[in-house]
Structures are given as C-alpha cells and as structure tokens.
Amino acid sequence: MSNHVESWAFITAYNPYSVMQDAGVNTILNTQLEDYLSGKRYLFFKGIGVGDDNSWEPEASFMVLNIRKEDAIKLGRQFKQNAIVVGVIGTSAELIDCLNE
C-alpha cells in the first residue's frame, strides 16, 4: 500500500454542534467516528484539537489522510460538527463550515 498523501482532514466527533458533552458521551461519539474511519479503511492518526478558548477542553480528533474534501464535509455533517479543517499538500489548511457548505 502506498502512503503517498495528497489530501487530509482533521475531524472530531466531540461536542456535536458545539454543545459541550460530558467525557463519556464524547468518548462514545469519537469511538463511533474511529470505527467508521476504520471500516472505510482510511489511514488516520489520533490527535488532539486545542482551541483558543480555554473554557473548552481539548478534543480527541483524527488526522485522516487521502480523504476528499467533499467526503470530509459529509463526515463532519454526519457527526454534527460545525466545522472541520481540510487541506491539500502544498496549500494552506482550510477551515470548512460544515453547516453552510
């Protein structure tokens, strides 16, 4: 299998629609996302999303390689995320509003 990477997305299932959930709920949601990514055979790495607002806990997230932007947006919507970050190698990362895209 070639690991040549052309595109990527950084996504979580934590705190759907930016409504804070307890740790147990977030863990279940992110496990569902991880199971989905594994089932689709995406290559991904675990990460942590840390925002500028200290009132939000860091969010367990996934760096998903070689996912199309359109598929990443659908995944963000499926897991009720307001936004995700996507990129293509050689270009700047892009914050995508999943609700209005």
PDB file of N, CA and C in Angstrom:
ATOM      1  N   MET A   1       0.845  -1.179   0.000  1.00  0.00           N
ATOM      2  CA  MET A   1       0.000   0.000   0.000  1.00  0.00           C
ATOM      3  C   MET A   1       0.889   1.240   0.000  1.00  0.00           C
ATOM      4  N   SER A   2       0.609   2.162  -0.837  1.00  0.00           N
ATOM      5  CA  SER A   2       1.348   3.413  -0.906  1.00  0.00           C
ATOM      6  C   SER A   2       0.792   4.398   0.110  1.00  0.00           C
ATOM      7  N   ASN A   3       1.691   5.092   0.790  1.00  0.00           N
ATOM      8  CA  ASN A   3       1.268   6.100   1.748  1.00  0.00           C
ATOM      9  C   ASN A   3       1.429   7.503   1.174  1.00  0.00           C
ATOM     10  N   HIS A   4       1.434   7.618  -0.135  1.00  0.00           N
ATOM     11  CA  HIS A   4       1.537   8.929  -0.754  1.00  0.00           C
ATOM     12  C   HIS A   4       0.303   9.745  -0.373  1.00  0.00           C
ATOM     13  N   VAL A   5       0.532  10.868   0.285  1.00  0.00           N
ATOM     14  CA  VAL A   5      -0.571  11.669   0.794  1.00  0.00           C
ATOM     15  C   VAL A   5      -0.782  12.885  -0.091  1.00  0.00           C
ATOM     16  N   GLU A   6      -2.021  13.081  -0.514  1.00  0.00           N
ATOM     17  CA  GLU A   6      -2.368  14.248  -1.328  1.00  0.00           C
ATOM     18  C   GLU A   6      -3.292  15.201  -0.587  1.00  0.00           C
ATOM     19  N   SER A   7      -4.153  14.662   0.275  1.00  0.00           N
ATOM     20  CA  SER A   7      -5.121  15.497   0.984  1.00  0.00           C
ATOM     21  C   SER A   7      -5.320  14.937   2.384  1.00  0.00           C
ATOM     22  N   TRP A   8      -5.957  15.749   3.223  1.00  0.00           N
ATOM     23  CA  TRP A   8      -6.174  15.329   4.606  1.00  0.00           C
ATOM     24  C   TRP A   8      -7.328  16.131   5.205  1.00  0.00           C
ATOM     25  N   ALA A   9      -7.828  15.626   6.335  1.00  0.00           N
ATOM     26  CA  ALA A   9      -8.834  16.342   7.113  1.00  0.00           C
ATOM     27  C   ALA A   9      -8.545  16.091   8.586  1.00  0.00           C
ATOM     28  N   PHE A  10      -8.837  17.078   9.411  1.00  0.00           N
ATOM     29  CA  PHE A  10      -8.719  16.962  10.858  1.00  0.00           C
ATOM     30  C   PHE A  10     -10.128  17.096  11.405  1.00  0.00           C
ATOM     31  N   ILE A  11     -10.600  16.040  12.067  1.00  0.00           N
ATOM     32  CA  ILE A  11     -12.011  15.974  12.455  1.00  0.00           C
ATOM     33  C   ILE A  11     -12.166  15.274  13.800  1.00  0.00           C
ATOM     34  N   THR A  12     -13.210  15.633  14.503  1.00  0.00           N
ATOM     35  CA  THR A  12     -13.581  15.015  15.766  1.00  0.00           C
ATOM     36  C   THR A  12     -15.080  14.751  15.752  1.00  0.00           C
ATOM     37  N   ALA A  13     -15.518  13.967  16.714  1.00  0.00           N
ATOM     38  CA  ALA A  13     -16.959  13.798  16.926  1.00  0.00           C
ATOM     39  C   ALA A  13     -17.372  14.420  18.261  1.00  0.00           C
ATOM     40  N   TYR A  14     -16.428  15.032  18.951  1.00  0.00           N
ATOM     41  CA  TYR A  14     -16.715  15.657  20.248  1.00  0.00           C
ATOM     42  C   TYR A  14     -17.704  16.811  20.108  1.00  0.00           C
ATOM     43  N   ASN A  15     -18.483  16.999  21.141  1.00  0.00           N
ATOM     44  CA  ASN A  15     -19.328  18.185  21.318  1.00  0.00           C
ATOM     45  C   ASN A  15     -20.129  18.570  20.072  1.00  0.00           C
ATOM     46  N   PRO A  16     -21.057  17.695  19.636  1.00  0.00           N
ATOM     47  CA  PRO A  16     -21.844  17.973  18.430  1.00  0.00           C
ATOM     48  C   PRO A  16     -22.505  19.354  18.484  1.00  0.00           C
ATOM     49  N   TYR A  17     -22.439  20.034  17.343  1.00  0.00           N
ATOM     50  CA  TYR A  17     -23.000  21.394  17.191  1.00  0.00           C
ATOM     51  C   TYR A  17     -22.496  22.340  18.276  1.00  0.00           C
ATOM     52  N   SER A  18     -21.271  22.101  18.750  1.00  0.00           N
ATOM     53  CA  SER A  18     -20.635  22.945  19.770  1.00  0.00           C
ATOM     54  C   SER A  18     -21.431  23.024  21.067  1.00  0.00           C
ATOM     55  N   VAL A  19     -22.094  21.927  21.398  1.00  0.00           N
ATOM     56  CA  VAL A  19     -22.774  21.805  22.684  1.00  0.00           C
ATOM     57  C   VAL A  19     -21.910  20.877  23.542  1.00  0.00           C
ATOM     58  N   MET A  20     -21.378  21.415  24.636  1.00  0.00           N
ATOM     59  CA  MET A  20     -20.482  20.628  25.484  1.00  0.00           C
ATOM     60  C   MET A  20     -21.173  19.369  25.996  1.00  0.00           C
ATOM     61  N   GLN A  21     -20.489  18.251  25.854  1.00  0.00           N
ATOM     62  CA  GLN A  21     -20.959  16.957  26.337  1.00  0.00           C
ATOM     63  C   GLN A  21     -20.021  16.483  27.438  1.00  0.00           C
ATOM     64  N   ASP A  22     -20.475  15.544  28.249  1.00  0.00           N
ATOM     65  CA  ASP A  22     -19.557  15.011  29.253  1.00  0.00           C
ATOM     66  C   ASP A  22     -18.572  14.057  28.589  1.00  0.00           C
ATOM     67  N   ALA A  23     -17.522  13.738  29.308  1.00  0.00           N
ATOM     68  CA  ALA A  23     -16.425  12.943  28.753  1.00  0.00           C
ATOM     69  C   ALA A  23     -16.899  11.593  28.222  1.00  0.00           C
ATOM     70  N   GLY A  24     -17.831  10.956  28.930  1.00  0.00           N
ATOM     71  CA  GLY A  24     -18.327   9.650  28.497  1.00  0.00           C
ATOM     72  C   GLY A  24     -19.025   9.709  27.155  1.00  0.00           C
ATOM     73  N   VAL A  25     -19.865  10.704  26.965  1.00  0.00           N
ATOM     74  CA  VAL A  25     -20.577  10.871  25.686  1.00  0.00           C
ATOM     75  C   VAL A  25     -19.571  11.143  24.569  1.00  0.00           C
ATOM     76  N   ASN A  26     -18.625  12.047  24.811  1.00  0.00           N
ATOM     77  CA  ASN A  26     -17.629  12.365  23.782  1.00  0.00           C
ATOM     78  C   ASN A  26     -16.794  11.151  23.396  1.00  0.00           C
ATOM     79  N   THR A  27     -16.459  10.334  24.385  1.00  0.00           N
ATOM     80  CA  THR A  27     -15.681   9.123  24.099  1.00  0.00           C
ATOM     81  C   THR A  27     -16.476   8.174  23.203  1.00  0.00           C
ATOM     82  N   ILE A  28     -17.744   7.993  23.507  1.00  0.00           N
ATOM     83  CA  ILE A  28     -18.602   7.126  22.680  1.00  0.00           C
ATOM     84  C   ILE A  28     -18.699   7.667  21.262  1.00  0.00           C
ATOM     85  N   LEU A  29     -18.937   8.960  21.127  1.00  0.00           N
ATOM     86  CA  LEU A  29     -19.060   9.567  19.793  1.00  0.00           C
ATOM     87  C   LEU A  29     -17.773   9.412  18.995  1.00  0.00           C
ATOM     88  N   ASN A  30     -16.636   9.661  19.644  1.00  0.00           N
ATOM     89  CA  ASN A  30     -15.378   9.566  18.913  1.00  0.00           C
ATOM     90  C   ASN A  30     -15.031   8.123  18.562  1.00  0.00           C
ATOM     91  N   THR A  31     -15.450   7.179  19.395  1.00  0.00           N
ATOM     92  CA  THR A  31     -15.255   5.768  19.069  1.00  0.00           C
ATOM     93  C   THR A  31     -16.081   5.399  17.833  1.00  0.00           C
ATOM     94  N   GLN A  32     -17.281   5.942  17.722  1.00  0.00           N
ATOM     95  CA  GLN A  32     -18.102   5.707  16.533  1.00  0.00           C
ATOM     96  C   GLN A  32     -17.411   6.271  15.287  1.00  0.00           C
ATOM     97  N   LEU A  33     -16.817   7.447  15.407  1.00  0.00           N
ATOM     98  CA  LEU A  33     -16.084   8.030  14.285  1.00  0.00           C
ATOM     99  C   LEU A  33     -14.875   7.169  13.930  1.00  0.00           C
ATOM    100  N   GLU A  34     -14.145   6.727  14.918  1.00  0.00           N
ATOM    101  CA  GLU A  34     -12.978   5.878  14.667  1.00  0.00           C
ATOM    102  C   GLU A  34     -13.399   4.569  13.990  1.00  0.00           C
ATOM    103  N   ASP A  35     -14.484   3.973  14.452  1.00  0.00           N
ATOM    104  CA  ASP A  35     -14.988   2.739  13.831  1.00  0.00           C
ATOM    105  C   ASP A  35     -15.371   2.990  12.377  1.00  0.00           C
ATOM    106  N   TYR A  36     -15.997   4.126  12.096  1.00  0.00           N
ATOM    107  CA  TYR A  36     -16.373   4.474  10.724  1.00  0.00           C
ATOM    108  C   TYR A  36     -15.120   4.597   9.853  1.00  0.00           C
ATOM    109  N   LEU A  37     -14.122   5.328  10.336  1.00  0.00           N
ATOM    110  CA  LEU A  37     -12.887   5.519   9.572  1.00  0.00           C
ATOM    111  C   LEU A  37     -12.193   4.187   9.315  1.00  0.00           C
ATOM    112  N   SER A  38     -12.157   3.331  10.331  1.00  0.00           N
ATOM    113  CA  SER A  38     -11.542   2.005  10.169  1.00  0.00           C
ATOM    114  C   SER A  38     -12.316   1.163   9.162  1.00  0.00           C
ATOM    115  N   GLY A  39     -13.637   1.215   9.252  1.00  0.00           N
ATOM    116  CA  GLY A  39     -14.477   0.443   8.337  1.00  0.00           C
ATOM    117  C   GLY A  39     -14.322   0.867   6.886  1.00  0.00           C
ATOM    118  N   LYS A  40     -14.060   2.149   6.680  1.00  0.00           N
ATOM    119  CA  LYS A  40     -13.841   2.668   5.321  1.00  0.00           C
ATOM    120  C   LYS A  40     -12.380   2.545   4.888  1.00  0.00           C
ATOM    121  N   ARG A  41     -11.554   2.005   5.782  1.00  0.00           N
ATOM    122  CA  ARG A  41     -10.141   1.743   5.515  1.00  0.00           C
ATOM    123  C   ARG A  41      -9.329   3.013   5.247  1.00  0.00           C
ATOM    124  N   TYR A  42      -9.712   4.091   5.903  1.00  0.00           N
ATOM    125  CA  TYR A  42      -8.911   5.311   5.833  1.00  0.00           C
ATOM    126  C   TYR A  42      -7.667   5.136   6.701  1.00  0.00           C
ATOM    127  N   LEU A  43      -6.577   5.729   6.255  1.00  0.00           N
ATOM    128  CA  LEU A  43      -5.382   5.825   7.079  1.00  0.00           C
ATOM    129  C   LEU A  43      -5.549   7.073   7.925  1.00  0.00           C
ATOM    130  N   PHE A  44      -5.451   6.921   9.236  1.00  0.00           N
ATOM    131  CA  PHE A  44      -5.655   8.072  10.117  1.00  0.00           C
ATOM    132  C   PHE A  44      -4.781   7.952  11.350  1.00  0.00           C
ATOM    133  N   PHE A  45      -4.584   9.089  11.981  1.00  0.00           N
ATOM    134  CA  PHE A  45      -3.798   9.166  13.203  1.00  0.00           C
ATOM    135  C   PHE A  45      -4.601   9.913  14.253  1.00  0.00           C
ATOM    136  N   LYS A  46      -4.449   9.506  15.495  1.00  0.00           N
ATOM    137  CA  LYS A  46      -5.130  10.191  16.585  1.00  0.00           C
ATOM    138  C   LYS A  46      -4.389  11.486  16.905  1.00  0.00           C
ATOM    139  N   GLY A  47      -5.167  12.505  17.248  1.00  0.00           N
ATOM    140  CA  GLY A  47      -4.599  13.789  17.616  1.00  0.00           C
ATOM    141  C   GLY A  47      -5.480  14.466  18.650  1.00  0.00           C
ATOM    142  N   ILE A  48      -5.130  15.687  18.974  1.00  0.00           N
ATOM    143  CA  ILE A  48      -5.884  16.484  19.937  1.00  0.00           C
ATOM    144  C   ILE A  48      -6.113  17.859  19.326  1.00  0.00           C
ATOM    145  N   GLY A  49      -7.370  18.282  19.307  1.00  0.00           N
ATOM    146  CA  GLY A  49      -7.713  19.628  18.843  1.00  0.00           C
ATOM    147  C   GLY A  49      -7.779  20.565  20.041  1.00  0.00           C
ATOM    148  N   VAL A  50      -6.976  21.633  19.992  1.00  0.00           N
ATOM    149  CA  VAL A  50      -6.928  22.602  21.084  1.00  0.00           C
ATOM    150  C   VAL A  50      -7.262  23.972  20.506  1.00  0.00           C
ATOM    151  N   GLY A  51      -8.322  24.572  21.019  1.00  0.00           N
ATOM    152  CA  GLY A  51      -8.740  25.874  20.524  1.00  0.00           C
ATOM    153  C   GLY A  51      -8.158  27.015  21.336  1.00  0.00           C
ATOM    154  N   ASP A  52      -8.484  28.215  20.930  1.00  0.00           N
ATOM    155  CA  ASP A  52      -8.028  29.417  21.622  1.00  0.00           C
ATOM    156  C   ASP A  52      -8.809  29.689  22.898  1.00  0.00           C
ATOM    157  N   ASP A  53     -10.013  29.151  22.997  1.00  0.00           N
ATOM    158  CA  ASP A  53     -10.896  29.396  24.132  1.00  0.00           C
ATOM    159  C   ASP A  53     -10.599  28.376  25.239  1.00  0.00           C
ATOM    160  N   ASN A  54     -10.029  28.837  26.335  1.00  0.00           N
ATOM    161  CA  ASN A  54      -9.637  27.938  27.430  1.00  0.00           C
ATOM    162  C   ASN A  54     -10.810  27.292  28.148  1.00  0.00           C
ATOM    163  N   SER A  55     -12.026  27.760  27.897  1.00  0.00           N
ATOM    164  CA  SER A  55     -13.184  27.160  28.567  1.00  0.00           C
ATOM    165  C   SER A  55     -13.562  25.810  27.937  1.00  0.00           C
ATOM    166  N   TRP A  56     -13.007  25.508  26.768  1.00  0.00           N
ATOM    167  CA  TRP A  56     -13.255  24.229  26.100  1.00  0.00           C
ATOM    168  C   TRP A  56     -12.100  23.281  26.367  1.00  0.00           C
ATOM    169  N   GLU A  57     -12.432  22.062  26.751  1.00  0.00           N
ATOM    170  CA  GLU A  57     -11.416  21.025  26.912  1.00  0.00           C
ATOM    171  C   GLU A  57     -10.844  20.650  25.539  1.00  0.00           C
ATOM    172  N   PRO A  58      -9.568  20.268  25.470  1.00  0.00           N
ATOM    173  CA  PRO A  58      -9.032  19.735  24.212  1.00  0.00           C
ATOM    174  C   PRO A  58      -9.885  18.549  23.749  1.00  0.00           C
ATOM    175  N   GLU A  59     -10.009  18.407  22.429  1.00  0.00           N
ATOM    176  CA  GLU A  59     -10.872  17.362  21.859  1.00  0.00           C
ATOM    177  C   GLU A  59     -10.048  16.301  21.137  1.00  0.00           C
ATOM    178  N   ALA A  60     -10.258  15.046  21.514  1.00  0.00           N
ATOM    179  CA  ALA A  60      -9.641  13.949  20.777  1.00  0.00           C
ATOM    180  C   ALA A  60     -10.128  14.031  19.336  1.00  0.00           C
ATOM    181  N   SER A  61      -9.204  13.899  18.397  1.00  0.00           N
ATOM    182  CA  SER A  61      -9.516  14.110  16.980  1.00  0.00           C
ATOM    183  C   SER A  61      -8.738  13.120  16.136  1.00  0.00           C
ATOM    184  N   PHE A  62      -8.997  13.170  14.835  1.00  0.00           N
ATOM    185  CA  PHE A  62      -8.308  12.295  13.904  1.00  0.00           C
ATOM    186  C   PHE A  62      -7.786  13.093  12.713  1.00  0.00           C
ATOM    187  N   MET A  63      -6.545  12.822  12.330  1.00  0.00           N
ATOM    188  CA  MET A  63      -5.968  13.328  11.094  1.00  0.00           C
ATOM    189  C   MET A  63      -6.173  12.220  10.072  1.00  0.00           C
ATOM    190  N   VAL A  64      -7.066  12.457   9.119  1.00  0.00           N
ATOM    191  CA  VAL A  64      -7.449  11.449   8.136  1.00  0.00           C
ATOM    192  C   VAL A  64      -6.737  11.770   6.827  1.00  0.00           C
ATOM    193  N   LEU A  65      -5.970  10.819   6.327  1.00  0.00           N
ATOM    194  CA  LEU A  65      -5.190  11.048   5.115  1.00  0.00           C
ATOM    195  C   LEU A  65      -5.930  10.572   3.870  1.00  0.00           C
ATOM    196  N   ASN A  66      -5.696  11.306   2.798  1.00  0.00           N
ATOM    197  CA  ASN A  66      -6.253  10.981   1.482  1.00  0.00           C
ATOM    198  C   ASN A  66      -7.777  10.860   1.488  1.00  0.00           C
ATOM    199  N   ILE A  67      -8.408  11.793   2.161  1.00  0.00           N
ATOM    200  CA  ILE A  67      -9.862  11.892   2.132  1.00  0.00           C
ATOM    201  C   ILE A  67     -10.215  13.108   1.278  1.00  0.00           C
ATOM    202  N   ARG A  68     -11.166  12.935   0.399  1.00  0.00           N
ATOM    203  CA  ARG A  68     -11.609  14.049  -0.437  1.00  0.00           C
ATOM    204  C   ARG A  68     -12.315  15.086   0.416  1.00  0.00           C
ATOM    205  N   LYS A  69     -12.165  16.344   0.056  1.00  0.00           N
ATOM    206  CA  LYS A  69     -12.792  17.441   0.793  1.00  0.00           C
ATOM    207  C   LYS A  69     -14.294  17.209   0.938  1.00  0.00           C
ATOM    208  N   GLU A  70     -14.947  16.808  -0.138  1.00  0.00           N
ATOM    209  CA  GLU A  70     -16.391  16.582  -0.113  1.00  0.00           C
ATOM    210  C   GLU A  70     -16.758  15.471   0.868  1.00  0.00           C
ATOM    211  N   ASP A  71     -15.958  14.421   0.902  1.00  0.00           N
ATOM    212  CA  ASP A  71     -16.217  13.312   1.822  1.00  0.00           C
ATOM    213  C   ASP A  71     -15.979  13.741   3.268  1.00  0.00           C
ATOM    214  N   ALA A  72     -14.967  14.574   3.484  1.00  0.00           N
ATOM    215  CA  ALA A  72     -14.689  15.071   4.823  1.00  0.00           C
ATOM    216  C   ALA A  72     -15.834  15.953   5.327  1.00  0.00           C
ATOM    217  N   ILE A  73     -16.379  16.781   4.454  1.00  0.00           N
ATOM    218  CA  ILE A  73     -17.512  17.635   4.836  1.00  0.00           C
ATOM    219  C   ILE A  73     -18.714  16.770   5.188  1.00  0.00           C
ATOM    220  N   LYS A  74     -18.993  15.749   4.384  1.00  0.00           N
ATOM    221  CA  LYS A  74     -20.101  14.836   4.695  1.00  0.00           C
ATOM    222  C   LYS A  74     -19.897  14.176   6.048  1.00  0.00           C
ATOM    223  N   LEU A  75     -18.663  13.794   6.333  1.00  0.00           N
ATOM    224  CA  LEU A  75     -18.348  13.164   7.604  1.00  0.00           C
ATOM    225  C   LEU A  75     -18.542  14.151   8.756  1.00  0.00           C
ATOM    226  N   GLY A  76     -18.112  15.376   8.555  1.00  0.00           N
ATOM    227  CA  GLY A  76     -18.337  16.407   9.567  1.00  0.00           C
ATOM    228  C   GLY A  76     -19.818  16.592   9.847  1.00  0.00           C
ATOM    229  N   ARG A  77     -20.608  16.615   8.788  1.00  0.00           N
ATOM    230  CA  ARG A  77     -22.068  16.743   8.966  1.00  0.00           C
ATOM    231  C   ARG A  77     -22.651  15.527   9.664  1.00  0.00           C
ATOM    232  N   GLN A  78     -22.201  14.349   9.266  1.00  0.00           N
ATOM    233  CA  GLN A  78     -22.709  13.104   9.852  1.00  0.00           C
ATOM    234  C   GLN A  78     -22.475  13.094  11.363  1.00  0.00           C
ATOM    235  N   PHE A  79     -21.327  13.627  11.792  1.00  0.00           N
ATOM    236  CA  PHE A  79     -21.001  13.635  13.208  1.00  0.00           C
ATOM    237  C   PHE A  79     -21.304  14.991  13.856  1.00  0.00           C
ATOM    238  N   LYS A  80     -22.153  15.781  13.176  1.00  0.00           N
ATOM    239  CA  LYS A  80     -22.730  17.018  13.722  1.00  0.00           C
ATOM    240  C   LYS A  80     -21.684  18.037  14.159  1.00  0.00           C
ATOM    241  N   GLN A  81     -20.668  18.216  13.319  1.00  0.00           N
ATOM    242  CA  GLN A  81     -19.630  19.184  13.599  1.00  0.00           C
ATOM    243  C   GLN A  81     -19.926  20.494  12.872  1.00  0.00           C
ATOM    244  N   ASN A  82     -19.728  21.598  13.551  1.00  0.00           N
ATOM    245  CA  ASN A  82     -19.909  22.901  12.911  1.00  0.00           C
ATOM    246  C   ASN A  82     -18.838  23.150  11.866  1.00  0.00           C
ATOM    247  N   ALA A  83     -17.631  22.657  12.137  1.00  0.00           N
ATOM    248  CA  ALA A  83     -16.520  22.913  11.221  1.00  0.00           C
ATOM    249  C   ALA A  83     -15.486  21.802  11.324  1.00  0.00           C
ATOM    250  N   ILE A  84     -14.716  21.669  10.250  1.00  0.00           N
ATOM    251  CA  ILE A  84     -13.573  20.769  10.198  1.00  0.00           C
ATOM    252  C   ILE A  84     -12.439  21.527   9.514  1.00  0.00           C
ATOM    253  N   VAL A  85     -11.245  20.969   9.577  1.00  0.00           N
ATOM    254  CA  VAL A  85     -10.110  21.544   8.871  1.00  0.00           C
ATOM    255  C   VAL A  85      -9.682  20.538   7.804  1.00  0.00           C
ATOM    256  N   VAL A  86      -9.485  21.037   6.577  1.00  0.00           N
ATOM    257  CA  VAL A  86      -9.050  20.186   5.468  1.00  0.00           C
ATOM    258  C   VAL A  86      -7.848  20.825   4.797  1.00  0.00           C
ATOM    259  N   GLY A  87      -7.148  20.013   4.031  1.00  0.00           N
ATOM    260  CA  GLY A  87      -6.011  20.547   3.304  1.00  0.00           C
ATOM    261  C   GLY A  87      -5.599  19.650   2.163  1.00  0.00           C
ATOM    262  N   VAL A  88      -4.860  20.249   1.271  1.00  0.00           N
ATOM    263  CA  VAL A  88      -4.208  19.551   0.169  1.00  0.00           C
ATOM    264  C   VAL A  88      -2.718  19.847   0.321  1.00  0.00           C
ATOM    265  N   ILE A  89      -1.897  18.827   0.195  1.00  0.00           N
ATOM    266  CA  ILE A  89      -0.463  19.004   0.377  1.00  0.00           C
ATOM    267  C   ILE A  89       0.029  20.104  -0.570  1.00  0.00           C
ATOM    268  N   GLY A  90       0.795  21.025  -0.018  1.00  0.00           N
ATOM    269  CA  GLY A  90       1.341  22.129  -0.800  1.00  0.00           C
ATOM    270  C   GLY A  90       0.497  23.389  -0.763  1.00  0.00           C
ATOM    271  N   THR A  91      -0.652  23.336  -0.072  1.00  0.00           N
ATOM    272  CA  THR A  91      -1.512  24.517   0.051  1.00  0.00           C
ATOM    273  C   THR A  91      -1.816  24.748   1.525  1.00  0.00           C
ATOM    274  N   SER A  92      -2.407  25.878   1.838  1.00  0.00           N
ATOM    275  CA  SER A  92      -2.762  26.209   3.217  1.00  0.00           C
ATOM    276  C   SER A  92      -3.968  25.394   3.671  1.00  0.00           C
ATOM    277  N   ALA A  93      -4.004  25.122   4.953  1.00  0.00           N
ATOM    278  CA  ALA A  93      -5.162  24.450   5.549  1.00  0.00           C
ATOM    279  C   ALA A  93      -6.377  25.362   5.428  1.00  0.00           C
ATOM    280  N   GLU A  94      -7.558  24.737   5.411  1.00  0.00           N
ATOM    281  CA  GLU A  94      -8.810  25.483   5.230  1.00  0.00           C
ATOM    282  C   GLU A  94      -9.814  25.056   6.294  1.00  0.00           C
ATOM    283  N   LEU A  95     -10.351  26.024   7.011  1.00  0.00           N
ATOM    284  CA  LEU A  95     -11.432  25.773   7.965  1.00  0.00           C
ATOM    285  C   LEU A  95     -12.737  25.758   7.189  1.00  0.00           C
ATOM    286  N   ILE A  96     -13.453  24.661   7.261  1.00  0.00           N
ATOM    287  CA  ILE A  96     -14.698  24.496   6.497  1.00  0.00           C
ATOM    288  C   ILE A  96     -15.880  24.526   7.436  1.00  0.00           C
ATOM    289  N   ASP A  97     -16.840  25.376   7.161  1.00  0.00           N
ATOM    290  CA  ASP A  97     -18.101  25.455   7.885  1.00  0.00           C
ATOM    291  C   ASP A  97     -19.003  24.346   7.351  1.00  0.00           C
ATOM    292  N   CYS A  98     -19.166  23.286   8.122  1.00  0.00           N
ATOM    293  CA  CYS A  98     -19.955  22.137   7.672  1.00  0.00           C
ATOM    294  C   CYS A  98     -21.447  22.448   7.572  1.00  0.00           C
ATOM    295  N   LEU A  99     -21.903  23.421   8.325  1.00  0.00           N
ATOM    296  CA  LEU A  99     -23.328  23.727   8.340  1.00  0.00           C
ATOM    297  C   LEU A  99     -23.775  24.492   7.111  1.00  0.00           C
ATOM    298  N   ASN A 100     -22.880  25.270   6.525  1.00  0.00           N
ATOM    299  CA  ASN A 100     -23.256  26.143   5.404  1.00  0.00           C
ATOM    300  C   ASN A 100     -22.520  25.828   4.110  1.00  0.00           C
ATOM    301  N   GLU A 101     -21.770  24.765   4.083  1.00  0.00           N
ATOM    302  CA  GLU A 101     -21.001  24.416   2.875  1.00  0.00           C
ATOM    303  C   GLU A 101     -21.878  23.691   1.893  1.00  0.00           C
TER     304      GLU A 101
END
